[in-house]
């Protein structure tokens, strides 16, 4: 608790120097009242079942998102998956982010969503100060992002293939990222012209919660080691608190090895010896950097699915938040990541047989039959990849008694 009190003392003057908004007063109160002790057990919810079918919120998103959702619907239909989609459209370009509130309510009601990515402006346009993706996560209390990076036989990015590589380096790593605070707390302002204060918030309660989730994940999935990525050598209070919370929770999981690595060393180790890491646990911003490095190592953003979890809902999407507007309408986007995200969704809904059927068809299309989009060295269109996946599924479905 000493570290947290120090953080509050440091954050207090900065917050008081900014306009005294109710949000900042509420933040200080929450910091000072964060509970002590171990993290709470995290129980993941399962979706709602209606008449033998699961209702899932579908959020197409921007760029290639709507096209990818169409591919997912087609593949799930071929596998006769008992899922109905409630489509919630969000207009990311409108000043009021039209449809966002309805989308959040729909996900809260159904408990599960399949989501495309929202475009986030890089400037501070009035009414768009907060990233739409962050607003969506915070509205649903999604605190843990989980991405699994695994190299596939004979698969690498087109750029790597041009350099003579035939596959990605051996890698089987899970990255678990905290997604509610850190540098993404959206507490920044211009104190005087030319001087901007941006606060990084780390709390004991949320750090313990993420650590409990990460070690629980490692135990459930037979993972041997959890490595915390931090910068506590410089940010001794903020990252020091995060590191200490993870270390404390690790004591309750003696079968899982615990270690830690400074973020700059972690990035170097990832590109030189990526196979050494099992589960990486990161604060918010570091996780973004680590995730993008890992995606590049295994072949690019078009291959990796991801999931975000809260106490009341789960959202499945591609691991890397890329809308790829330049590919929209060209039938060129890689559908693999979104198809594999739908498999994660089905496993979450306890439809494991359907998930295995679809994943097997996707991976055979990619590795054995080498039907690939241009980003991974092929020449197939999105539709041609999905055609092949559907054909493989339909070859199996009659023999499964469906």
Protein backbone atom coordinates (compact mmCIF):
# COMPACT_ATOMS: atom_id res chain seq x y z
CA UNK A 1 0.00 0.00 0.00
CA UNK A 2 2.99 2.28 0.51
CA UNK A 3 3.66 2.39 -3.23
CA UNK A 4 0.07 3.28 -3.94
CA UNK A 5 0.06 6.07 -1.36
CA UNK A 6 3.19 7.50 -2.97
CA UNK A 7 1.52 7.33 -6.36
CA UNK A 8 -1.50 9.18 -5.01
CA UNK A 9 0.75 11.89 -3.53
CA UNK A 10 2.50 12.33 -6.86
CA UNK A 11 -0.68 12.23 -8.91
CA UNK A 12 -2.56 14.58 -6.63
CA UNK A 13 -0.73 17.85 -7.47
CA UNK A 14 -0.86 17.07 -11.19
CA UNK A 15 -4.56 16.39 -11.07
CA UNK A 16 -5.17 19.50 -8.99
CA UNK A 17 -3.25 21.60 -11.51
CA UNK A 18 -5.76 20.62 -14.18
CA UNK A 19 -9.38 21.78 -14.33
CA UNK A 20 -11.20 20.27 -11.30
CA UNK A 21 -13.56 18.00 -13.22
CA UNK A 22 -15.74 15.42 -11.44
CA UNK A 23 -13.91 12.67 -13.35
CA UNK A 24 -10.57 13.64 -11.81
CA UNK A 25 -12.05 13.89 -8.30
CA UNK A 26 -13.55 10.43 -8.75
CA UNK A 27 -10.19 9.07 -9.94
CA UNK A 28 -8.35 10.31 -6.85
CA UNK A 29 -11.00 8.77 -4.64
CA UNK A 30 -10.69 5.41 -6.40
CA UNK A 31 -6.90 5.48 -6.11
CA UNK A 32 -6.94 6.13 -2.39
CA UNK A 33 -9.56 3.44 -1.73
CA UNK A 34 -8.03 0.61 -3.79
CA UNK A 35 -8.19 -2.56 -1.67
CA UNK A 36 -5.23 -4.44 -0.26
CA UNK A 37 -4.40 -8.08 -0.61
CA UNK A 38 -4.47 -10.71 -3.29
CA UNK A 39 -6.31 -10.44 -6.57
CA UNK A 40 -9.86 -11.69 -6.78
CA UNK A 41 -10.66 -14.85 -8.72
CA UNK A 42 -11.85 -14.03 -12.23
CA UNK A 43 -14.81 -16.04 -13.53
CA UNK A 44 -15.47 -15.63 -17.25
CA UNK A 45 -19.12 -15.42 -18.33
CA UNK A 46 -20.66 -17.56 -21.07
CA UNK A 47 -23.11 -16.19 -23.65
CA UNK A 48 -26.90 -16.32 -23.61
CA UNK A 49 -28.65 -19.37 -25.10
CA UNK A 50 -32.07 -18.88 -26.73
CA UNK A 51 -33.94 -21.85 -28.20
CA UNK A 52 -30.78 -23.88 -28.55
CA UNK A 53 -28.86 -21.07 -30.29
CA UNK A 54 -26.43 -18.53 -28.87
CA UNK A 55 -27.06 -14.84 -29.45
CA UNK A 56 -23.82 -12.99 -30.25
CA UNK A 57 -23.40 -9.27 -30.88
CA UNK A 58 -21.65 -8.58 -34.19
CA UNK A 59 -19.93 -5.20 -34.56
CA UNK A 60 -18.60 -4.86 -38.13
CA UNK A 61 -16.36 -1.86 -37.41
CA UNK A 62 -14.55 0.17 -40.07
CA UNK A 63 -12.40 -0.55 -43.11
CA UNK A 64 -12.39 -4.24 -44.02
CA UNK A 65 -14.45 -5.17 -40.95
CA UNK A 66 -17.82 -5.55 -42.71
CA UNK A 67 -16.27 -7.77 -45.40
CA UNK A 68 -14.61 -9.99 -42.81
CA UNK A 69 -17.88 -10.37 -40.92
CA UNK A 70 -19.53 -11.56 -44.11
CA UNK A 71 -16.84 -14.22 -44.48
CA UNK A 72 -17.32 -15.34 -40.88
CA UNK A 73 -21.07 -15.67 -41.34
CA UNK A 74 -20.56 -17.82 -44.41
CA UNK A 75 -18.06 -20.14 -42.69
CA UNK A 76 -20.19 -20.52 -39.56
CA UNK A 77 -23.22 -21.34 -41.70
CA UNK A 78 -21.27 -24.05 -43.55
CA UNK A 79 -20.32 -25.60 -40.21
CA UNK A 80 -23.94 -25.35 -39.00
CA UNK A 81 -22.96 -23.44 -35.90
CA UNK A 82 -25.91 -22.68 -33.56
CA UNK A 83 -25.22 -18.94 -33.37
CA UNK A 84 -27.38 -15.95 -34.28
CA UNK A 85 -25.82 -12.52 -34.78
CA UNK A 86 -27.34 -9.30 -33.50
CA UNK A 87 -25.65 -6.66 -35.66
CA UNK A 88 -24.72 -3.38 -33.94
CA UNK A 89 -23.28 -0.72 -36.25
CA UNK A 90 -21.19 2.14 -34.91
CA UNK A 91 -20.51 5.30 -36.93
CA UNK A 92 -16.97 6.14 -35.84
CA UNK A 93 -16.91 9.29 -37.96
CA UNK A 94 -19.92 11.00 -36.42
CA UNK A 95 -19.33 13.55 -33.62
CA UNK A 96 -21.42 11.57 -31.15
CA UNK A 97 -20.07 8.16 -32.21
CA UNK A 98 -23.57 7.18 -33.26
CA UNK A 99 -24.47 3.64 -32.28
CA UNK A 100 -21.71 3.16 -29.70
CA UNK A 101 -24.04 3.19 -26.70
CA UNK A 102 -26.40 0.73 -28.35
CA UNK A 103 -23.48 -1.55 -29.22
CA UNK A 104 -22.22 -1.52 -25.64
CA UNK A 105 -25.70 -2.35 -24.34
CA UNK A 106 -26.07 -5.18 -26.86
CA UNK A 107 -22.77 -6.76 -25.80
CA UNK A 108 -23.71 -6.39 -22.15
CA UNK A 109 -27.02 -8.09 -22.84
CA UNK A 110 -25.65 -10.99 -24.89
CA UNK A 111 -22.37 -11.41 -23.02
CA UNK A 112 -20.35 -12.20 -26.18
CA UNK A 113 -19.36 -10.18 -29.24
CA UNK A 114 -17.42 -10.60 -32.47
CA UNK A 115 -15.96 -7.20 -33.30
CA UNK A 116 -14.24 -5.46 -36.19
CA UNK A 117 -11.89 -2.59 -35.46
CA UNK A 118 -12.75 1.10 -35.15
CA UNK A 119 -10.69 3.78 -36.86
CA UNK A 120 -9.06 6.11 -34.31
CA UNK A 121 -8.00 9.60 -35.36
CA UNK A 122 -4.43 10.60 -34.50
CA UNK A 123 -5.41 14.21 -33.80
CA UNK A 124 -7.41 15.73 -30.96
CA UNK A 125 -10.51 16.45 -33.03
CA UNK A 126 -13.27 17.97 -30.84
CA UNK A 127 -15.54 15.18 -29.67
CA UNK A 128 -12.93 12.55 -30.55
CA UNK A 129 -10.37 13.01 -27.77
CA UNK A 130 -10.83 9.46 -26.54
CA UNK A 131 -10.12 6.51 -28.83
CA UNK A 132 -13.32 4.76 -29.84
CA UNK A 133 -11.76 1.37 -29.14
CA UNK A 134 -10.78 2.52 -25.64
CA UNK A 135 -14.23 4.00 -25.05
CA UNK A 136 -15.79 0.69 -26.08
CA UNK A 137 -13.53 -1.35 -23.78
CA UNK A 138 -14.10 0.93 -20.82
CA UNK A 139 -17.84 0.92 -21.37
CA UNK A 140 -17.85 -2.86 -21.02
CA UNK A 141 -15.17 -3.17 -18.35
CA UNK A 142 -12.89 -5.23 -20.61
CA UNK A 143 -9.69 -5.36 -18.58
CA UNK A 144 -7.64 -8.20 -20.11
CA UNK A 145 -6.53 -8.57 -23.72
CA UNK A 146 -5.31 -12.08 -24.62
CA UNK A 147 -3.44 -12.79 -27.86
CA UNK A 148 -1.79 -16.11 -28.74
CA UNK A 149 1.12 -15.94 -31.19
CA UNK A 150 2.09 -19.25 -32.75
CA UNK A 151 4.26 -19.83 -35.79
CA UNK A 152 2.74 -22.00 -38.54
CA UNK A 153 4.60 -24.44 -40.74
CA UNK A 154 5.70 -22.80 -43.98
CA UNK A 155 3.96 -19.49 -43.22
CA UNK A 156 5.63 -16.09 -42.95
CA UNK A 157 4.96 -12.59 -44.19
CA UNK A 158 5.43 -11.77 -47.87
CA UNK A 159 8.26 -9.39 -46.92
CA UNK A 160 10.07 -12.17 -45.04
CA UNK A 161 9.59 -14.54 -47.97
CA UNK A 162 11.25 -12.02 -50.28
CA UNK A 163 14.26 -12.09 -47.95
CA UNK A 164 14.52 -15.85 -48.39
CA UNK A 165 12.70 -17.06 -45.27
CA UNK A 166 10.27 -19.95 -45.64
CA UNK A 167 8.60 -19.70 -42.23
CA UNK A 168 8.32 -17.57 -39.12
CA UNK A 169 10.66 -18.22 -36.17
CA UNK A 170 9.49 -20.86 -33.68
CA UNK A 171 7.08 -19.15 -31.34
CA UNK A 172 4.24 -20.14 -29.02
CA UNK A 173 3.64 -17.12 -26.80
CA UNK A 174 0.58 -15.63 -25.12
CA UNK A 175 0.49 -11.88 -24.42
CA UNK A 176 -1.91 -10.72 -21.69
CA UNK A 177 -2.29 -6.95 -21.54
CA UNK A 178 -4.09 -4.73 -19.02
CA UNK A 179 -6.47 -2.48 -20.98
CA UNK A 180 -8.18 -0.09 -18.56
CA UNK A 181 -5.48 2.22 -17.20
CA UNK A 182 -1.80 3.08 -17.61
CA UNK A 183 -1.15 5.66 -20.32
CA UNK A 184 -4.63 4.98 -21.71
CA UNK A 185 -6.35 6.61 -18.73
CA UNK A 186 -7.00 9.67 -20.96
CA UNK A 187 -5.91 12.10 -18.27
CA UNK A 188 -3.96 14.71 -20.19
CA UNK A 189 -4.27 18.43 -20.66
CA UNK A 190 -2.29 21.49 -21.67
CA UNK A 191 -1.33 23.24 -18.43
CA UNK A 192 0.03 26.31 -20.19
CA UNK A 193 0.59 26.83 -23.91
CA UNK A 194 3.24 24.40 -25.10
CA UNK A 195 3.25 22.26 -21.93
CA UNK A 196 1.17 19.07 -21.80
CA UNK A 197 0.72 16.82 -18.78
CA UNK A 198 -0.25 13.21 -19.45
CA UNK A 199 -0.83 10.95 -16.45
CA UNK A 200 -0.06 7.24 -16.29
CA UNK A 201 -2.33 5.60 -13.74
CA UNK A 202 -1.52 2.24 -12.13
CA UNK A 203 -3.73 0.96 -9.32
CA UNK A 204 -3.25 -1.95 -6.96
CA UNK A 205 -6.78 -3.26 -7.49
CA UNK A 206 -6.57 -3.48 -11.27
CA UNK A 207 -3.00 -4.78 -11.27
CA UNK A 208 -3.97 -7.59 -8.89
CA UNK A 209 -7.01 -8.35 -11.03
CA UNK A 210 -4.93 -8.70 -14.19
CA UNK A 211 -2.27 -10.77 -12.42
CA UNK A 212 -4.92 -13.15 -11.07
CA UNK A 213 -6.36 -13.48 -14.56
CA UNK A 214 -2.93 -14.15 -16.10
CA UNK A 215 -1.84 -16.79 -13.62
CA UNK A 216 -5.27 -18.41 -13.76
CA UNK A 217 -4.96 -18.53 -17.55
CA UNK A 218 -1.51 -20.12 -17.26
CA UNK A 219 -2.82 -22.78 -14.88
CA UNK A 220 -5.87 -23.63 -17.03
CA UNK A 221 -3.82 -23.89 -20.22
CA UNK A 222 -0.83 -25.75 -18.81
CA UNK A 223 1.58 -22.86 -19.31
CA UNK A 224 4.84 -23.18 -17.43
CA UNK A 225 6.02 -19.58 -16.95
CA UNK A 226 4.62 -16.07 -16.62
CA UNK A 227 6.94 -13.16 -17.42
CA UNK A 228 6.02 -9.61 -16.40
CA UNK A 229 7.12 -6.84 -18.78
CA UNK A 230 7.84 -3.58 -16.95
CA UNK A 231 9.99 -0.46 -16.64
CA UNK A 232 10.27 -0.44 -12.85
CA UNK A 233 13.94 0.53 -13.05
CA UNK A 234 12.78 4.01 -14.12
CA UNK A 235 9.11 4.26 -13.12
CA UNK A 236 9.70 2.81 -9.68
CA UNK A 237 6.31 3.68 -8.22
CA UNK A 238 3.97 3.00 -11.15
CA UNK A 239 5.62 -0.02 -12.77
CA UNK A 240 7.00 -1.03 -9.40
CA UNK A 241 3.44 -1.39 -8.11
CA UNK A 242 2.40 -3.43 -11.15
CA UNK A 243 5.43 -5.71 -10.76
CA UNK A 244 4.88 -6.18 -7.04
CA UNK A 245 1.20 -7.09 -7.57
CA UNK A 246 2.17 -9.75 -10.12
CA UNK A 247 4.85 -11.11 -7.81
CA UNK A 248 2.39 -11.33 -4.93
CA UNK A 249 -0.23 -13.18 -6.95
CA UNK A 250 2.42 -15.60 -8.26
CA UNK A 251 2.85 -16.93 -4.73
CA UNK A 252 -0.57 -18.57 -5.04
CA UNK A 253 0.50 -20.47 -8.17
CA UNK A 254 3.61 -22.45 -7.15
CA UNK A 255 3.44 -24.66 -10.26
CA UNK A 256 3.85 -21.61 -12.55
CA UNK A 257 7.33 -20.09 -12.76
CA UNK A 258 7.48 -16.31 -12.32
CA UNK A 259 10.03 -13.91 -13.76
CA UNK A 260 10.23 -10.34 -15.05
CA UNK A 261 11.94 -8.47 -17.86
CA UNK A 262 12.41 -4.76 -18.57
CA UNK A 263 10.39 -3.71 -21.61
CA UNK A 264 13.31 -2.58 -23.78
CA UNK A 265 15.13 -5.85 -23.15
CA UNK A 266 11.89 -7.74 -23.82
CA UNK A 267 11.59 -6.25 -27.30
CA UNK A 268 15.19 -7.15 -28.11
CA UNK A 269 14.74 -10.70 -26.80
CA UNK A 270 11.54 -11.13 -28.82
CA UNK A 271 13.22 -10.42 -32.14
CA UNK A 272 16.38 -12.41 -31.30
CA UNK A 273 14.99 -15.43 -29.39
CA UNK A 274 11.16 -15.30 -29.46
CA UNK A 275 10.72 -18.94 -28.47
CA UNK A 276 11.93 -18.32 -24.91
CA UNK A 277 8.70 -16.64 -23.75
CA UNK A 278 5.59 -18.52 -22.62
CA UNK A 279 3.12 -15.99 -21.16
CA UNK A 280 3.94 -12.27 -21.18
CA UNK A 281 1.95 -9.97 -18.86
CA UNK A 282 2.13 -6.25 -19.57
CA UNK A 283 0.68 -2.90 -18.55
CA UNK A 284 -1.36 -1.18 -21.22
CA UNK A 285 1.05 0.68 -23.51
CA UNK A 286 3.87 -1.87 -23.43
CA UNK A 287 1.37 -4.51 -24.48
CA UNK A 288 0.57 -2.61 -27.67
CA UNK A 289 4.24 -2.57 -28.66
CA UNK A 290 4.84 -6.21 -27.69
CA UNK A 291 1.73 -7.37 -29.54
CA UNK A 292 2.76 -5.69 -32.78
CA UNK A 293 6.26 -7.16 -32.61
CA UNK A 294 4.85 -10.65 -32.01
CA UNK A 295 2.38 -10.31 -34.88
CA UNK A 296 5.17 -9.31 -37.23
CA UNK A 297 7.24 -12.30 -36.15
CA UNK A 298 4.56 -14.90 -36.94
CA UNK A 299 3.52 -13.47 -40.30
CA UNK A 300 1.53 -10.30 -39.78
CA UNK A 301 -1.77 -9.00 -38.39
CA UNK A 302 -3.89 -11.03 -40.79
CA UNK A 303 -3.06 -14.29 -39.00
CA UNK A 304 -3.58 -13.65 -35.30
CA UNK A 305 -6.90 -13.69 -33.42
CA UNK A 306 -7.45 -11.99 -30.09
CA UNK A 307 -9.91 -11.69 -27.22
CA UNK A 308 -10.77 -9.16 -24.53
CA UNK A 309 -12.37 -10.21 -21.26
CA UNK A 310 -14.35 -8.47 -18.57
CA UNK A 311 -16.35 -9.75 -15.62
CA UNK A 312 -19.62 -9.75 -17.55
CA UNK A 313 -18.68 -10.20 -21.20
CA UNK A 314 -16.07 -11.30 -23.72
CA UNK A 315 -15.24 -9.74 -27.09
CA UNK A 316 -13.40 -11.55 -29.89
CA UNK A 317 -11.56 -9.77 -32.69
CA UNK A 318 -8.25 -9.66 -34.52
CA UNK A 319 -5.22 -9.29 -32.26
CA UNK A 320 -3.91 -6.16 -34.00
CA UNK A 321 -6.34 -3.23 -34.22
CA UNK A 322 -5.92 -2.48 -37.91
CA UNK A 323 -8.91 -1.39 -40.02
CA UNK A 324 -6.88 -1.63 -43.28
CA UNK A 325 -8.92 1.06 -45.09
CA UNK A 326 -6.70 0.72 -48.16
CA UNK A 327 -7.91 -2.87 -48.63
CA UNK A 328 -11.61 -2.15 -48.12
CA UNK A 329 -13.72 -3.17 -51.09
CA UNK A 330 -10.82 -4.88 -52.89
CA UNK A 331 -11.43 -8.48 -51.72
CA UNK A 332 -7.80 -8.55 -50.58
CA UNK A 333 -7.90 -8.60 -46.76
CA UNK A 334 -6.64 -11.74 -45.04
CA UNK A 335 -9.69 -13.39 -43.40
CA UNK A 336 -7.69 -15.84 -41.28
CA UNK A 337 -7.39 -13.74 -38.10
CA UNK A 338 -11.13 -13.03 -37.95
CA UNK A 339 -12.02 -16.65 -38.75
CA UNK A 340 -9.75 -17.84 -35.95
CA UNK A 341 -11.26 -15.20 -33.64
CA UNK A 342 -14.64 -16.77 -34.34
CA UNK A 343 -13.15 -20.12 -33.26
CA UNK A 344 -12.10 -18.56 -29.95
CA UNK A 345 -15.64 -17.25 -29.61
CA UNK A 346 -17.09 -20.73 -30.22
CA UNK A 347 -14.77 -22.27 -27.63
CA UNK A 348 -15.91 -19.63 -25.16
CA UNK A 349 -19.52 -20.63 -25.92
CA UNK A 350 -18.56 -24.28 -25.27
CA UNK A 351 -19.01 -25.18 -28.92
CA UNK A 352 -15.61 -26.84 -29.08
CA UNK A 353 -16.45 -29.33 -31.84
CA UNK A 354 -17.51 -26.53 -34.19
CA UNK A 355 -14.41 -24.51 -33.28
CA UNK A 356 -12.10 -27.44 -34.02
CA UNK A 357 -13.82 -28.12 -37.35
CA UNK A 358 -13.41 -24.53 -38.53
CA UNK A 359 -9.88 -24.08 -37.18
CA UNK A 360 -8.75 -27.30 -38.84
CA UNK A 361 -10.13 -26.14 -42.19
CA UNK A 362 -8.53 -22.70 -41.86
CA UNK A 363 -5.11 -24.07 -40.95
CA UNK A 364 -5.20 -26.70 -43.69
CA UNK A 365 -6.08 -24.00 -46.20
CA UNK A 366 -3.14 -21.92 -45.04
CA UNK A 367 -0.44 -24.55 -44.47
CA UNK A 368 -1.21 -27.74 -46.39
CA UNK A 369 -3.02 -26.34 -49.42
CA UNK A 370 -1.21 -22.97 -49.40
CA UNK A 371 -4.25 -20.92 -50.42
CA UNK A 372 -3.17 -17.52 -49.10
CA UNK A 373 -3.69 -13.82 -49.56
CA UNK A 374 -0.86 -11.57 -50.73
CA UNK A 375 0.23 -10.45 -47.25
CA UNK A 376 1.49 -13.99 -46.52
CA UNK A 377 3.01 -14.66 -49.92
CA UNK A 378 -0.01 -15.95 -51.85
CA UNK A 379 -2.10 -14.60 -54.68
CA UNK A 380 -5.61 -15.59 -53.57
CA UNK A 381 -8.41 -13.14 -52.86
CA UNK A 382 -10.26 -13.11 -49.55
CA UNK A 383 -13.19 -14.87 -51.19
CA UNK A 384 -10.97 -17.59 -52.66
CA UNK A 385 -9.50 -18.33 -49.23
CA UNK A 386 -12.97 -18.56 -47.71
CA UNK A 387 -14.22 -20.70 -50.62
CA UNK A 388 -11.49 -23.20 -49.85
CA UNK A 389 -12.23 -23.18 -46.11
CA UNK A 390 -15.93 -23.79 -46.77
CA UNK A 391 -15.12 -26.62 -49.17
CA UNK A 392 -13.01 -28.38 -46.54
CA UNK A 393 -15.72 -27.93 -43.91
CA UNK A 394 -18.43 -29.30 -46.20
CA UNK A 395 -16.29 -32.36 -46.89
CA UNK A 396 -16.34 -33.16 -43.16
CA UNK A 397 -19.82 -32.08 -42.12
CA UNK A 398 -21.79 -35.00 -43.69
CA UNK A 399 -19.56 -37.48 -41.87
CA UNK A 400 -20.27 -35.77 -38.55
CA UNK A 401 -23.95 -36.66 -38.64
CA UNK A 402 -25.12 -33.11 -39.23
